[in-house]
Amino acid sequence: MTRSEDVRAADSVPYRLLEAQPELNGGSGDAANMLIQGDNLDALKALLPYYSGRVKCIYIDPPYNTRSAFEHYDDNLEHSQWLAMIYPRLVLLRDLLAEDGSIWVSIDDNEGQYLKVIMDEVFGRRNFIGNAVWEKSDSPRMDAVTFSYRHDNTFCFARDLDRLVWNRLVVDEPPSHYDKTDNEGRRYYLKPLRAMGGQGDSRAAATQYRKALESDPEFADVQRRDLLLFEPEGADQDADGSRQRCIHPIAVARTRATRRSRQPGLWITSAR
């Protein structure tokens, strides 16, 4: 293992000058737009004088180490070699990130768990945002011996989670499954009455919940107004007992939840 050398590798990479190739120019010579050919470790170190702490978003697609042969890079490294390769590059990428920036890294399950641990160390575990799992194939592999893997991972870390700001998407109209409208014109949809885990058969649990509800004199009014919400036991709630309804984000309303039964996870919501 070469961990001690790997941790110091980024510091030992010499700075290199970027050499312009006028015959390959395809647009403005502004340094904000560059296509760099060469070893990515050298390229990252060369970018530090220009962009240290200034990059808002980084996406990388490193070798997955799938034991495959590719023309332009080696995807068949020993595990320890792969770790030694990725560590200093992540350190330099961290130094390029702005305080409110984020990094997104694609990987599959060959090295994914190890990559997550390294990124926890380099970027800080508290700055982990999440793993965006995406389906890369819409059909199973007929030659699969065990599981037919159809997904890849995208690990997302912030440089400083407290400073990260999300640019939320705004839509003009709610999706079609928000097919109901309340008295105030807000669109929402209903979720089925079901067990929320660890409570046996879903149908039996649903019947049990309904019996508990029907014994409450306010149930008919609440049912008529479609204001039922079921949360798992121990789910986060505001200090004042409020909950979120399934109202579309463009018309989110706060509701007050009142527990009406001793059944775990059963909540009835009514408008505040």
Foldseek 3Di string as FASTA:
>chain_A
DCVVCLQCVLVPQDADEDDDDVVPDDDDPPPVDDDDDDDVSNVLSNCCVPQFQNDAEAEDEDQQLPCDDDDPDDSPDDPVVVVSVVQSSLLSVLRRHHQQHKYKYKYAPSCVVVVLVSCCVRQNVVQWDDKDKDFQDPDFDPPDPPGRDGIIIITMGGSHNVNHDDDDDDDPDDDVQLPDAAPVGFTFHADDQFDPDDPPHTVVVSVVLVVLLVVDPCSVVLVVRRQFDFDAAPDDADPQQWDWGRTDPVDTAIWHWDDRDPPGRGIGTDHD
